[in-house]
């Protein structure tokens, strides 16, 4: 029996990702409330500023919800294909779509010799999968099935929407923090603080000074903390998509071999950038098999491969295999 079932991985990653998104939302609310207190020093100001923070996040979410996928595909220079132009790819996508129980997504090719792939869209009814021409050239059918299963799992598990919403919340936090810091350092709050200090008690002034310092610290650290949470969410969703791919293909070896090939490939993905890197099956900006830092969008390949091996009861990679993989990087 496998040491770790794909169902247990799916359940664990869903719980962890949901918790991390709540953390991002909490950071947004706390930052909005702190800014509201300092600007108005009134309970209604706190409520109003918090509402504005949530409205900013909501407005950005709506815009990205309806147009984000088109922008990503255009930036990636992807072109749509059909059964006549790419029969094998369309066949693989169709059979795994049926296994996943979701509508057939639009399929795109990115004209780039580096092997990689991503999924985008707002839900399974409005999803797209894009693969590079290099992926089709360098992977066999079983490996291709593993990658397509991974991307379709992002669609079926609503990772495409999940990642979008977290990204927008993180962007909202960064926007609010930047606005607050600019407002503060350009003296927009100086007069208000002095007026309150002269008319209020010393204790009240002391509290306001403490809250002001806290707000400044929050404005500086909140975007960093939110970004770290976003990256943690991204890593958890990659583990989840790997596990879900095994559920669809019943073949951990196919995805394992595909990950090894993509990670070992030396060709740069020309169309990738830091804004889209987190979407790909393997990070196109930094294909390291070793440790994964806090600022990494993907888990380390070694961890992903060892999790896949545990599902089929295989031992983890030994020292010789690890050295061989690192030697290819």
C-alpha atoms as a PDB file:
ATOM      1  CA  UNK A   1       0.000   0.000   0.000  1.00  0.00           C
ATOM      2  CA  UNK A   2       1.271   3.526  -0.739  1.00  0.00           C
ATOM      3  CA  UNK A   3       2.738   5.342   2.225  1.00  0.00           C
ATOM      4  CA  UNK A   4       0.733   8.455   1.406  1.00  0.00           C
ATOM      5  CA  UNK A   5      -2.542   8.345  -0.553  1.00  0.00           C
ATOM      6  CA  UNK A   6      -3.476  11.062  -3.016  1.00  0.00           C
ATOM      7  CA  UNK A   7      -6.777  11.576  -1.151  1.00  0.00           C
ATOM      8  CA  UNK A   8      -4.990  12.372   2.110  1.00  0.00           C
ATOM      9  CA  UNK A   9      -2.700  14.817   0.286  1.00  0.00           C
ATOM     10  CA  UNK A  10      -5.701  16.524  -1.334  1.00  0.00           C
ATOM     11  CA  UNK A  11      -7.478  16.906   2.031  1.00  0.00           C
ATOM     12  CA  UNK A  12      -4.368  18.210   3.823  1.00  0.00           C
ATOM     13  CA  UNK A  13      -3.511  20.739   1.127  1.00  0.00           C
ATOM     14  CA  UNK A  14      -7.076  22.060   0.920  1.00  0.00           C
ATOM     15  CA  UNK A  15      -7.096  22.713   4.679  1.00  0.00           C
ATOM     16  CA  UNK A  16      -3.699  24.389   4.667  1.00  0.00           C
ATOM     17  CA  UNK A  17      -4.457  26.551   1.624  1.00  0.00           C
ATOM     18  CA  UNK A  18      -7.794  27.713   3.039  1.00  0.00           C
ATOM     19  CA  UNK A  19      -6.081  28.724   6.276  1.00  0.00           C
ATOM     20  CA  UNK A  20      -3.389  30.659   4.402  1.00  0.00           C
ATOM     21  CA  UNK A  21      -5.987  32.605   2.407  1.00  0.00           C
ATOM     22  CA  UNK A  22      -7.730  33.559   5.648  1.00  0.00           C
ATOM     23  CA  UNK A  23      -4.384  34.893   6.898  1.00  0.00           C
ATOM     24  CA  UNK A  24      -4.058  37.132   3.806  1.00  0.00           C
ATOM     25  CA  UNK A  25      -7.619  38.403   4.270  1.00  0.00           C
ATOM     26  CA  UNK A  26      -6.918  39.100   7.951  1.00  0.00           C
ATOM     27  CA  UNK A  27      -3.780  41.097   7.040  1.00  0.00           C
ATOM     28  CA  UNK A  28      -5.839  43.205   4.614  1.00  0.00           C
ATOM     29  CA  UNK A  29      -8.515  43.907   7.252  1.00  0.00           C
ATOM     30  CA  UNK A  30      -6.018  44.773  10.014  1.00  0.00           C
ATOM     31  CA  UNK A  31      -4.065  47.095   7.723  1.00  0.00           C
ATOM     32  CA  UNK A  32      -7.262  48.853   6.642  1.00  0.00           C
ATOM     33  CA  UNK A  33      -8.427  49.253  10.250  1.00  0.00           C
ATOM     34  CA  UNK A  34      -5.063  50.681  11.384  1.00  0.00           C
ATOM     35  CA  UNK A  35      -5.037  53.212   8.548  1.00  0.00           C
ATOM     36  CA  UNK A  36      -8.643  54.166   9.324  1.00  0.00           C
ATOM     37  CA  UNK A  37      -7.845  54.817  12.989  1.00  0.00           C
ATOM     38  CA  UNK A  38      -4.858  57.009  12.220  1.00  0.00           C
ATOM     39  CA  UNK A  39      -6.642  59.060   9.583  1.00  0.00           C
ATOM     40  CA  UNK A  40      -9.908  59.640  11.500  1.00  0.00           C
ATOM     41  CA  UNK A  41      -9.284  58.432  15.108  1.00  0.00           C
ATOM     42  CA  UNK A  42     -12.913  57.378  15.058  1.00  0.00           C
ATOM     43  CA  UNK A  43     -14.699  54.024  15.153  1.00  0.00           C
ATOM     44  CA  UNK A  44     -16.620  54.938  12.007  1.00  0.00           C
ATOM     45  CA  UNK A  45     -13.337  55.760  10.306  1.00  0.00           C
ATOM     46  CA  UNK A  46     -11.999  52.324  11.182  1.00  0.00           C
ATOM     47  CA  UNK A  47     -15.104  50.662   9.744  1.00  0.00           C
ATOM     48  CA  UNK A  48     -15.029  52.874   6.675  1.00  0.00           C
ATOM     49  CA  UNK A  49     -11.333  52.303   5.937  1.00  0.00           C
ATOM     50  CA  UNK A  50     -11.727  48.561   6.384  1.00  0.00           C
ATOM     51  CA  UNK A  51     -14.685  48.595   3.992  1.00  0.00           C
ATOM     52  CA  UNK A  52     -12.645  50.594   1.468  1.00  0.00           C
ATOM     53  CA  UNK A  53      -9.792  48.084   1.745  1.00  0.00           C
ATOM     54  CA  UNK A  54     -12.178  45.220   1.022  1.00  0.00           C
ATOM     55  CA  UNK A  55     -13.807  47.169  -1.836  1.00  0.00           C
ATOM     56  CA  UNK A  56     -10.403  47.805  -3.423  1.00  0.00           C
ATOM     57  CA  UNK A  57      -9.659  44.104  -3.244  1.00  0.00           C
ATOM     58  CA  UNK A  58     -13.109  43.283  -4.628  1.00  0.00           C
ATOM     59  CA  UNK A  59     -12.816  45.702  -7.549  1.00  0.00           C
ATOM     60  CA  UNK A  60      -9.397  44.351  -8.490  1.00  0.00           C
ATOM     61  CA  UNK A  61     -10.762  40.808  -8.228  1.00  0.00           C
ATOM     62  CA  UNK A  62     -13.631  41.524 -10.622  1.00  0.00           C
ATOM     63  CA  UNK A  63     -11.298  42.968 -13.249  1.00  0.00           C
ATOM     64  CA  UNK A  64      -8.889  40.054 -13.013  1.00  0.00           C
ATOM     65  CA  UNK A  65     -11.741  37.521 -12.818  1.00  0.00           C
ATOM     66  CA  UNK A  66     -13.051  38.403 -16.270  1.00  0.00           C
ATOM     67  CA  UNK A  67      -9.875  39.440 -18.089  1.00  0.00           C
ATOM     68  CA  UNK A  68      -6.883  37.920 -16.333  1.00  0.00           C
ATOM     69  CA  UNK A  69      -6.664  34.732 -18.422  1.00  0.00           C
ATOM     70  CA  UNK A  70      -6.680  36.602 -21.743  1.00  0.00           C
ATOM     71  CA  UNK A  71      -3.811  38.799 -20.554  1.00  0.00           C
ATOM     72  CA  UNK A  72      -1.745  35.799 -19.447  1.00  0.00           C
ATOM     73  CA  UNK A  73      -2.270  33.957 -22.738  1.00  0.00           C
ATOM     74  CA  UNK A  74      -1.433  37.050 -24.773  1.00  0.00           C
ATOM     75  CA  UNK A  75       1.715  37.704 -22.730  1.00  0.00           C
ATOM     76  CA  UNK A  76       2.752  34.082 -23.305  1.00  0.00           C
ATOM     77  CA  UNK A  77       2.241  34.383 -27.082  1.00  0.00           C
ATOM     78  CA  UNK A  78      -0.046  31.343 -26.962  1.00  0.00           C
ATOM     79  CA  UNK A  79      -2.089  30.306 -30.015  1.00  0.00           C
ATOM     80  CA  UNK A  80      -5.144  28.077 -29.857  1.00  0.00           C
ATOM     81  CA  UNK A  81      -5.003  24.624 -31.484  1.00  0.00           C
ATOM     82  CA  UNK A  82      -7.577  21.989 -32.461  1.00  0.00           C
ATOM     83  CA  UNK A  83      -7.812  18.303 -33.400  1.00  0.00           C
ATOM     84  CA  UNK A  84      -6.441  18.868 -36.877  1.00  0.00           C
ATOM     85  CA  UNK A  85      -3.318  20.762 -35.851  1.00  0.00           C
ATOM     86  CA  UNK A  86      -2.512  18.833 -32.628  1.00  0.00           C
ATOM     87  CA  UNK A  87      -4.386  15.488 -32.627  1.00  0.00           C
ATOM     88  CA  UNK A  88      -2.304  13.726 -29.927  1.00  0.00           C
ATOM     89  CA  UNK A  89      -2.371  16.655 -27.520  1.00  0.00           C
ATOM     90  CA  UNK A  90      -6.119  17.118 -27.980  1.00  0.00           C
ATOM     91  CA  UNK A  91      -6.662  13.380 -27.470  1.00  0.00           C
ATOM     92  CA  UNK A  92      -4.717  13.388 -24.199  1.00  0.00           C
ATOM     93  CA  UNK A  93      -6.548  16.483 -22.933  1.00  0.00           C
ATOM     94  CA  UNK A  94      -9.929  15.027 -23.918  1.00  0.00           C
ATOM     95  CA  UNK A  95      -9.419  11.647 -22.230  1.00  0.00           C
ATOM     96  CA  UNK A  96      -8.211  13.232 -18.984  1.00  0.00           C
ATOM     97  CA  UNK A  97     -10.987  15.827 -19.097  1.00  0.00           C
ATOM     98  CA  UNK A  98     -13.487  12.964 -19.192  1.00  0.00           C
ATOM     99  CA  UNK A  99     -11.703  11.296 -16.262  1.00  0.00           C
ATOM    100  CA  UNK A 100     -11.817  14.566 -14.293  1.00  0.00           C
ATOM    101  CA  UNK A 101     -15.498  15.146 -15.095  1.00  0.00           C
ATOM    102  CA  UNK A 102     -15.006  18.722 -16.286  1.00  0.00           C
ATOM    103  CA  UNK A 103     -15.758  20.509 -19.589  1.00  0.00           C
ATOM    104  CA  UNK A 104     -13.144  20.433 -22.329  1.00  0.00           C
ATOM    105  CA  UNK A 105     -10.861  23.477 -21.892  1.00  0.00           C
ATOM    106  CA  UNK A 106      -9.415  25.547 -24.703  1.00  0.00           C
ATOM    107  CA  UNK A 107      -5.956  24.281 -25.628  1.00  0.00           C
ATOM    108  CA  UNK A 108      -3.045  26.520 -26.601  1.00  0.00           C
ATOM    109  CA  UNK A 109       0.525  26.056 -27.820  1.00  0.00           C
ATOM    110  CA  UNK A 110       3.347  28.382 -26.763  1.00  0.00           C
ATOM    111  CA  UNK A 111       6.055  28.437 -29.479  1.00  0.00           C
ATOM    112  CA  UNK A 112       9.010  27.838 -27.158  1.00  0.00           C
ATOM    113  CA  UNK A 113      11.451  24.922 -27.057  1.00  0.00           C
ATOM    114  CA  UNK A 114      11.619  24.851 -23.232  1.00  0.00           C
ATOM    115  CA  UNK A 115       9.238  22.186 -21.854  1.00  0.00           C
ATOM    116  CA  UNK A 116       6.522  23.570 -19.555  1.00  0.00           C
ATOM    117  CA  UNK A 117       2.761  24.121 -19.243  1.00  0.00           C
ATOM    118  CA  UNK A 118       0.147  26.079 -17.292  1.00  0.00           C
ATOM    119  CA  UNK A 119      -3.611  26.386 -16.796  1.00  0.00           C
ATOM    120  CA  UNK A 120      -5.595  29.596 -16.455  1.00  0.00           C
ATOM    121  CA  UNK A 121      -9.189  30.836 -16.348  1.00  0.00           C
ATOM    122  CA  UNK A 122     -11.827  31.552 -13.734  1.00  0.00           C
ATOM    123  CA  UNK A 123     -13.585  28.159 -13.484  1.00  0.00           C
ATOM    124  CA  UNK A 124     -13.819  24.792 -15.301  1.00  0.00           C
ATOM    125  CA  UNK A 125     -16.335  26.274 -17.750  1.00  0.00           C
ATOM    126  CA  UNK A 126     -13.921  29.070 -18.751  1.00  0.00           C
ATOM    127  CA  UNK A 127     -10.538  27.339 -18.542  1.00  0.00           C
ATOM    128  CA  UNK A 128      -7.552  27.166 -20.859  1.00  0.00           C
ATOM    129  CA  UNK A 129      -4.465  24.966 -20.890  1.00  0.00           C
ATOM    130  CA  UNK A 130      -1.252  26.085 -22.584  1.00  0.00           C
ATOM    131  CA  UNK A 131       1.742  23.842 -23.290  1.00  0.00           C
ATOM    132  CA  UNK A 132       5.018  24.727 -24.946  1.00  0.00           C
ATOM    133  CA  UNK A 133       6.089  23.161 -28.214  1.00  0.00           C
ATOM    134  CA  UNK A 134       9.146  21.898 -26.332  1.00  0.00           C
ATOM    135  CA  UNK A 135       6.940  19.909 -23.974  1.00  0.00           C
ATOM    136  CA  UNK A 136       5.365  18.041 -26.899  1.00  0.00           C
ATOM    137  CA  UNK A 137       8.764  17.349 -28.454  1.00  0.00           C
ATOM    138  CA  UNK A 138      10.587  16.151 -25.323  1.00  0.00           C
ATOM    139  CA  UNK A 139       7.965  14.161 -23.383  1.00  0.00           C
ATOM    140  CA  UNK A 140       6.430  10.799 -24.276  1.00  0.00           C
ATOM    141  CA  UNK A 141       2.688  10.140 -24.006  1.00  0.00           C
ATOM    142  CA  UNK A 142       2.721   8.937 -20.379  1.00  0.00           C
ATOM    143  CA  UNK A 143       4.760  11.943 -19.282  1.00  0.00           C
ATOM    144  CA  UNK A 144       2.473  14.253 -21.242  1.00  0.00           C
ATOM    145  CA  UNK A 145      -0.520  12.663 -19.513  1.00  0.00           C
ATOM    146  CA  UNK A 146       1.069  13.381 -16.134  1.00  0.00           C
ATOM    147  CA  UNK A 147       1.570  17.078 -16.963  1.00  0.00           C
ATOM    148  CA  UNK A 148      -1.893  17.492 -18.514  1.00  0.00           C
ATOM    149  CA  UNK A 149      -3.396  15.707 -15.500  1.00  0.00           C
ATOM    150  CA  UNK A 150      -1.574  18.166 -13.238  1.00  0.00           C
ATOM    151  CA  UNK A 151      -2.934  21.184 -15.141  1.00  0.00           C
ATOM    152  CA  UNK A 152      -6.468  19.792 -15.376  1.00  0.00           C
ATOM    153  CA  UNK A 153      -6.305  19.216 -11.620  1.00  0.00           C
ATOM    154  CA  UNK A 154      -5.632  22.930 -11.173  1.00  0.00           C
ATOM    155  CA  UNK A 155      -8.826  23.512 -13.172  1.00  0.00           C
ATOM    156  CA  UNK A 156     -10.929  20.899 -11.373  1.00  0.00           C
ATOM    157  CA  UNK A 157      -9.715  21.952  -7.916  1.00  0.00           C
ATOM    158  CA  UNK A 158     -10.456  25.626  -8.752  1.00  0.00           C
ATOM    159  CA  UNK A 159      -6.788  26.467  -8.188  1.00  0.00           C
ATOM    160  CA  UNK A 160      -6.975  28.839 -11.160  1.00  0.00           C
ATOM    161  CA  UNK A 161      -9.569  30.936  -9.320  1.00  0.00           C
ATOM    162  CA  UNK A 162      -8.006  30.356  -5.911  1.00  0.00           C
ATOM    163  CA  UNK A 163      -4.588  31.605  -7.015  1.00  0.00           C
ATOM    164  CA  UNK A 164      -6.164  34.576  -8.775  1.00  0.00           C
ATOM    165  CA  UNK A 165      -8.034  35.721  -5.655  1.00  0.00           C
ATOM    166  CA  UNK A 166      -4.999  35.367  -3.392  1.00  0.00           C
ATOM    167  CA  UNK A 167      -2.884  37.308  -5.885  1.00  0.00           C
ATOM    168  CA  UNK A 168      -5.434  40.120  -6.018  1.00  0.00           C
ATOM    169  CA  UNK A 169      -5.647  40.324  -2.212  1.00  0.00           C
ATOM    170  CA  UNK A 170      -1.857  40.521  -1.997  1.00  0.00           C
ATOM    171  CA  UNK A 171      -1.882  43.271  -4.631  1.00  0.00           C
ATOM    172  CA  UNK A 172      -4.545  45.154  -2.665  1.00  0.00           C
ATOM    173  CA  UNK A 173      -2.432  45.008   0.491  1.00  0.00           C
ATOM    174  CA  UNK A 174       0.606  46.322  -1.360  1.00  0.00           C
ATOM    175  CA  UNK A 175      -1.456  49.140  -2.901  1.00  0.00           C
ATOM    176  CA  UNK A 176      -2.968  50.247   0.420  1.00  0.00           C
ATOM    177  CA  UNK A 177       0.381  50.053   2.198  1.00  0.00           C
ATOM    178  CA  UNK A 178       2.067  52.138  -0.487  1.00  0.00           C
ATOM    179  CA  UNK A 179      -0.678  54.772  -0.418  1.00  0.00           C
ATOM    180  CA  UNK A 180      -0.509  55.010   3.371  1.00  0.00           C
ATOM    181  CA  UNK A 181       3.288  55.329   3.467  1.00  0.00           C
ATOM    182  CA  UNK A 182       3.279  58.006   0.774  1.00  0.00           C
ATOM    183  CA  UNK A 183       0.525  59.904   2.592  1.00  0.00           C
ATOM    184  CA  UNK A 184       2.398  59.686   5.883  1.00  0.00           C
ATOM    185  CA  UNK A 185       5.903  60.585   4.717  1.00  0.00           C
ATOM    186  CA  UNK A 186       4.680  63.518   2.650  1.00  0.00           C
ATOM    187  CA  UNK A 187       3.239  65.066   5.821  1.00  0.00           C
ATOM    188  CA  UNK A 188      -0.400  64.363   5.128  1.00  0.00           C
ATOM    189  CA  UNK A 189      -1.006  63.339   8.726  1.00  0.00           C
ATOM    190  CA  UNK A 190       1.347  65.665  10.553  1.00  0.00           C
ATOM    191  CA  UNK A 191      -1.140  68.425  11.231  1.00  0.00           C
ATOM    192  CA  UNK A 192      -3.806  66.066  12.475  1.00  0.00           C
ATOM    193  CA  UNK A 193      -1.449  64.486  14.976  1.00  0.00           C
ATOM    194  CA  UNK A 194      -0.277  67.827  16.367  1.00  0.00           C
ATOM    195  CA  UNK A 195      -3.841  69.134  16.733  1.00  0.00           C
ATOM    196  CA  UNK A 196      -4.944  66.069  18.592  1.00  0.00           C
ATOM    197  CA  UNK A 197      -1.894  66.197  20.845  1.00  0.00           C
ATOM    198  CA  UNK A 198      -2.534  69.763  21.972  1.00  0.00           C
ATOM    199  CA  UNK A 199      -6.215  69.234  22.749  1.00  0.00           C
ATOM    200  CA  UNK A 200      -6.185  65.719  24.127  1.00  0.00           C
ATOM    201  CA  UNK A 201      -4.681  64.105  27.169  1.00  0.00           C
ATOM    202  CA  UNK A 202      -1.107  62.828  27.367  1.00  0.00           C
ATOM    203  CA  UNK A 203      -2.333  59.229  27.619  1.00  0.00           C
ATOM    204  CA  UNK A 204      -4.473  59.640  24.507  1.00  0.00           C
ATOM    205  CA  UNK A 205      -1.534  61.105  22.624  1.00  0.00           C
ATOM    206  CA  UNK A 206       0.636  58.226  23.778  1.00  0.00           C
ATOM    207  CA  UNK A 207      -1.872  55.670  22.518  1.00  0.00           C
ATOM    208  CA  UNK A 208      -2.100  57.447  19.174  1.00  0.00           C
ATOM    209  CA  UNK A 209       1.686  57.479  18.868  1.00  0.00           C
ATOM    210  CA  UNK A 210       1.850  53.746  19.597  1.00  0.00           C
ATOM    211  CA  UNK A 211      -0.876  52.981  17.048  1.00  0.00           C
ATOM    212  CA  UNK A 212       0.889  55.196  14.523  1.00  0.00           C
ATOM    213  CA  UNK A 213       4.140  53.247  14.936  1.00  0.00           C
ATOM    214  CA  UNK A 214       2.236  49.947  14.673  1.00  0.00           C
ATOM    215  CA  UNK A 215       0.541  51.142  11.494  1.00  0.00           C
ATOM    216  CA  UNK A 216       3.864  52.148   9.949  1.00  0.00           C
ATOM    217  CA  UNK A 217       5.339  48.737  10.779  1.00  0.00           C
ATOM    218  CA  UNK A 218       2.231  47.032   9.374  1.00  0.00           C
ATOM    219  CA  UNK A 219       2.403  49.065   6.176  1.00  0.00           C
ATOM    220  CA  UNK A 220       6.017  47.984   5.676  1.00  0.00           C
ATOM    221  CA  UNK A 221       5.694  44.333   6.699  1.00  0.00           C
ATOM    222  CA  UNK A 222       2.145  43.521   5.536  1.00  0.00           C
ATOM    223  CA  UNK A 223       2.987  43.301   1.796  1.00  0.00           C
ATOM    224  CA  UNK A 224       5.978  41.088   2.570  1.00  0.00           C
ATOM    225  CA  UNK A 225       3.954  38.819   4.865  1.00  0.00           C
ATOM    226  CA  UNK A 226       1.103  38.620   2.365  1.00  0.00           C
ATOM    227  CA  UNK A 227       3.530  37.747  -0.437  1.00  0.00           C
ATOM    228  CA  UNK A 228       5.038  34.960   1.675  1.00  0.00           C
ATOM    229  CA  UNK A 229       1.550  33.586   2.310  1.00  0.00           C
ATOM    230  CA  UNK A 230       0.758  33.775  -1.413  1.00  0.00           C
ATOM    231  CA  UNK A 231       3.870  31.766  -2.221  1.00  0.00           C
ATOM    232  CA  UNK A 232       3.025  29.222   0.474  1.00  0.00           C
ATOM    233  CA  UNK A 233      -0.448  28.847  -1.053  1.00  0.00           C
ATOM    234  CA  UNK A 234       1.114  28.376  -4.488  1.00  0.00           C
ATOM    235  CA  UNK A 235       3.411  25.621  -3.202  1.00  0.00           C
ATOM    236  CA  UNK A 236       0.550  23.826  -1.476  1.00  0.00           C
ATOM    237  CA  UNK A 237      -1.569  23.910  -4.643  1.00  0.00           C
ATOM    238  CA  UNK A 238       1.304  22.340  -6.610  1.00  0.00           C
ATOM    239  CA  UNK A 239       1.424  19.420  -4.181  1.00  0.00           C
ATOM    240  CA  UNK A 240      -2.348  19.118  -4.478  1.00  0.00           C
ATOM    241  CA  UNK A 241      -2.259  19.139  -8.300  1.00  0.00           C
ATOM    242  CA  UNK A 242       0.442  16.447  -8.303  1.00  0.00           C
ATOM    243  CA  UNK A 243      -1.701  14.241  -6.084  1.00  0.00           C
ATOM    244  CA  UNK A 244      -4.806  14.906  -8.179  1.00  0.00           C
ATOM    245  CA  UNK A 245      -2.909  14.087 -11.386  1.00  0.00           C
ATOM    246  CA  UNK A 246      -2.128  10.658  -9.969  1.00  0.00           C
ATOM    247  CA  UNK A 247      -5.828  10.236  -9.232  1.00  0.00           C
ATOM    248  CA  UNK A 248      -6.647  10.918 -12.891  1.00  0.00           C
ATOM    249  CA  UNK A 249      -3.851   8.958 -14.576  1.00  0.00           C
ATOM    250  CA  UNK A 250      -3.259   6.224 -11.964  1.00  0.00           C
ATOM    251  CA  UNK A 251       0.374   6.520 -12.983  1.00  0.00           C
ATOM    252  CA  UNK A 252       2.720   8.382 -10.601  1.00  0.00           C
ATOM    253  CA  UNK A 253       5.697   7.375 -12.754  1.00  0.00           C
ATOM    254  CA  UNK A 254       4.525   9.429 -15.718  1.00  0.00           C
ATOM    255  CA  UNK A 255       4.386  12.688 -13.773  1.00  0.00           C
ATOM    256  CA  UNK A 256       7.584  11.868 -11.887  1.00  0.00           C
ATOM    257  CA  UNK A 257       9.515  11.375 -15.131  1.00  0.00           C
ATOM    258  CA  UNK A 258       7.982  14.532 -16.612  1.00  0.00           C
ATOM    259  CA  UNK A 259       9.014  16.648 -13.617  1.00  0.00           C
ATOM    260  CA  UNK A 260      12.553  15.287 -13.791  1.00  0.00           C
ATOM    261  CA  UNK A 261      12.836  16.050 -17.502  1.00  0.00           C
ATOM    262  CA  UNK A 262      11.414  19.571 -17.202  1.00  0.00           C
ATOM    263  CA  UNK A 263      13.603  20.397 -14.200  1.00  0.00           C
ATOM    264  CA  UNK A 264      16.727  19.076 -15.922  1.00  0.00           C
ATOM    265  CA  UNK A 265      16.106  20.905 -19.203  1.00  0.00           C
ATOM    266  CA  UNK A 266      18.513  23.805 -19.647  1.00  0.00           C
ATOM    267  CA  UNK A 267      16.615  25.872 -22.219  1.00  0.00           C
ATOM    268  CA  UNK A 268      15.136  29.124 -20.842  1.00  0.00           C
ATOM    269  CA  UNK A 269      11.435  29.798 -21.283  1.00  0.00           C
ATOM    270  CA  UNK A 270      11.588  33.128 -23.095  1.00  0.00           C
ATOM    271  CA  UNK A 271       7.959  34.191 -22.528  1.00  0.00           C
ATOM    272  CA  UNK A 272       7.958  33.571 -18.771  1.00  0.00           C
ATOM    273  CA  UNK A 273       8.284  36.384 -16.233  1.00  0.00           C
ATOM    274  CA  UNK A 274       7.879  36.841 -12.493  1.00  0.00           C
ATOM    275  CA  UNK A 275       4.184  37.659 -12.879  1.00  0.00           C
ATOM    276  CA  UNK A 276       3.393  34.342 -14.611  1.00  0.00           C
ATOM    277  CA  UNK A 277       6.096  32.006 -13.229  1.00  0.00           C
ATOM    278  CA  UNK A 278       3.832  30.650 -10.481  1.00  0.00           C
ATOM    279  CA  UNK A 279       1.368  29.314 -13.076  1.00  0.00           C
ATOM    280  CA  UNK A 280       3.732  26.801 -14.679  1.00  0.00           C
ATOM    281  CA  UNK A 281       4.042  23.141 -13.703  1.00  0.00           C
ATOM    282  CA  UNK A 282       7.750  23.750 -12.913  1.00  0.00           C
ATOM    283  CA  UNK A 283       9.109  27.185 -12.042  1.00  0.00           C
ATOM    284  CA  UNK A 284      10.619  28.482 -15.323  1.00  0.00           C
ATOM    285  CA  UNK A 285      12.644  31.139 -13.492  1.00  0.00           C
ATOM    286  CA  UNK A 286      14.550  28.844 -11.137  1.00  0.00           C
ATOM    287  CA  UNK A 287      14.596  25.111 -11.814  1.00  0.00           C
ATOM    288  CA  UNK A 288      16.439  23.904  -8.732  1.00  0.00           C
ATOM    289  CA  UNK A 289      15.935  20.427  -7.362  1.00  0.00           C
ATOM    290  CA  UNK A 290      17.217  21.306  -3.910  1.00  0.00           C
ATOM    291  CA  UNK A 291      15.691  23.273  -1.065  1.00  0.00           C
ATOM    292  CA  UNK A 292      12.802  25.649  -1.530  1.00  0.00           C
ATOM    293  CA  UNK A 293      13.042  29.071   0.081  1.00  0.00           C
ATOM    294  CA  UNK A 294      10.276  31.220   1.484  1.00  0.00           C
ATOM    295  CA  UNK A 295      10.176  33.218  -1.740  1.00  0.00           C
ATOM    296  CA  UNK A 296       9.862  30.197  -4.041  1.00  0.00           C
ATOM    297  CA  UNK A 297       6.651  29.784  -6.059  1.00  0.00           C
ATOM    298  CA  UNK A 298       7.036  25.994  -6.317  1.00  0.00           C
ATOM    299  CA  UNK A 299       8.028  23.178  -3.956  1.00  0.00           C
ATOM    300  CA  UNK A 300      11.439  21.631  -4.640  1.00  0.00           C
ATOM    301  CA  UNK A 301      11.390  18.963  -7.350  1.00  0.00           C
ATOM    302  CA  UNK A 302      12.929  16.434  -4.960  1.00  0.00           C
ATOM    303  CA  UNK A 303      10.037  16.824  -2.531  1.00  0.00           C
ATOM    304  CA  UNK A 304       7.478  16.490  -5.312  1.00  0.00           C
ATOM    305  CA  UNK A 305       9.163  13.392  -6.748  1.00  0.00           C
ATOM    306  CA  UNK A 306       9.495  11.745  -3.343  1.00  0.00           C
ATOM    307  CA  UNK A 307       5.806  12.366  -2.616  1.00  0.00           C
ATOM    308  CA  UNK A 308       4.903  10.744  -5.923  1.00  0.00           C
ATOM    309  CA  UNK A 309       7.137   7.797  -5.098  1.00  0.00           C
ATOM    310  CA  UNK A 310       5.476   7.370  -1.716  1.00  0.00           C
ATOM    311  CA  UNK A 311       2.118   6.980  -3.469  1.00  0.00           C
ATOM    312  CA  UNK A 312       3.343   3.886  -5.298  1.00  0.00           C
ATOM    313  CA  UNK A 313       5.271   2.500  -2.348  1.00  0.00           C
ATOM    314  CA  UNK A 314       8.698   3.300  -3.793  1.00  0.00           C
ATOM    315  CA  UNK A 315      11.621   4.472  -1.649  1.00  0.00           C
ATOM    316  CA  UNK A 316      12.652   8.148  -1.889  1.00  0.00           C
ATOM    317  CA  UNK A 317      15.452   9.198  -4.218  1.00  0.00           C
ATOM    318  CA  UNK A 318      18.847   8.034  -3.014  1.00  0.00           C
ATOM    319  CA  UNK A 319      22.055  10.053  -2.922  1.00  0.00           C
ATOM    320  CA  UNK A 320      23.174   8.897  -6.383  1.00  0.00           C
ATOM    321  CA  UNK A 321      19.869   9.896  -8.006  1.00  0.00           C
ATOM    322  CA  UNK A 322      19.918  13.278  -6.277  1.00  0.00           C
ATOM    323  CA  UNK A 323      23.496  13.903  -7.400  1.00  0.00           C
ATOM    324  CA  UNK A 324      22.616  12.929 -10.977  1.00  0.00           C
ATOM    325  CA  UNK A 325      19.645  15.315 -11.041  1.00  0.00           C
ATOM    326  CA  UNK A 326      21.665  18.185  -9.638  1.00  0.00           C
ATOM    327  CA  UNK A 327      24.409  17.451 -12.114  1.00  0.00           C
ATOM    328  CA  UNK A 328      21.955  18.040 -14.954  1.00  0.00           C
ATOM    329  CA  UNK A 329      20.920  21.485 -13.705  1.00  0.00           C
END
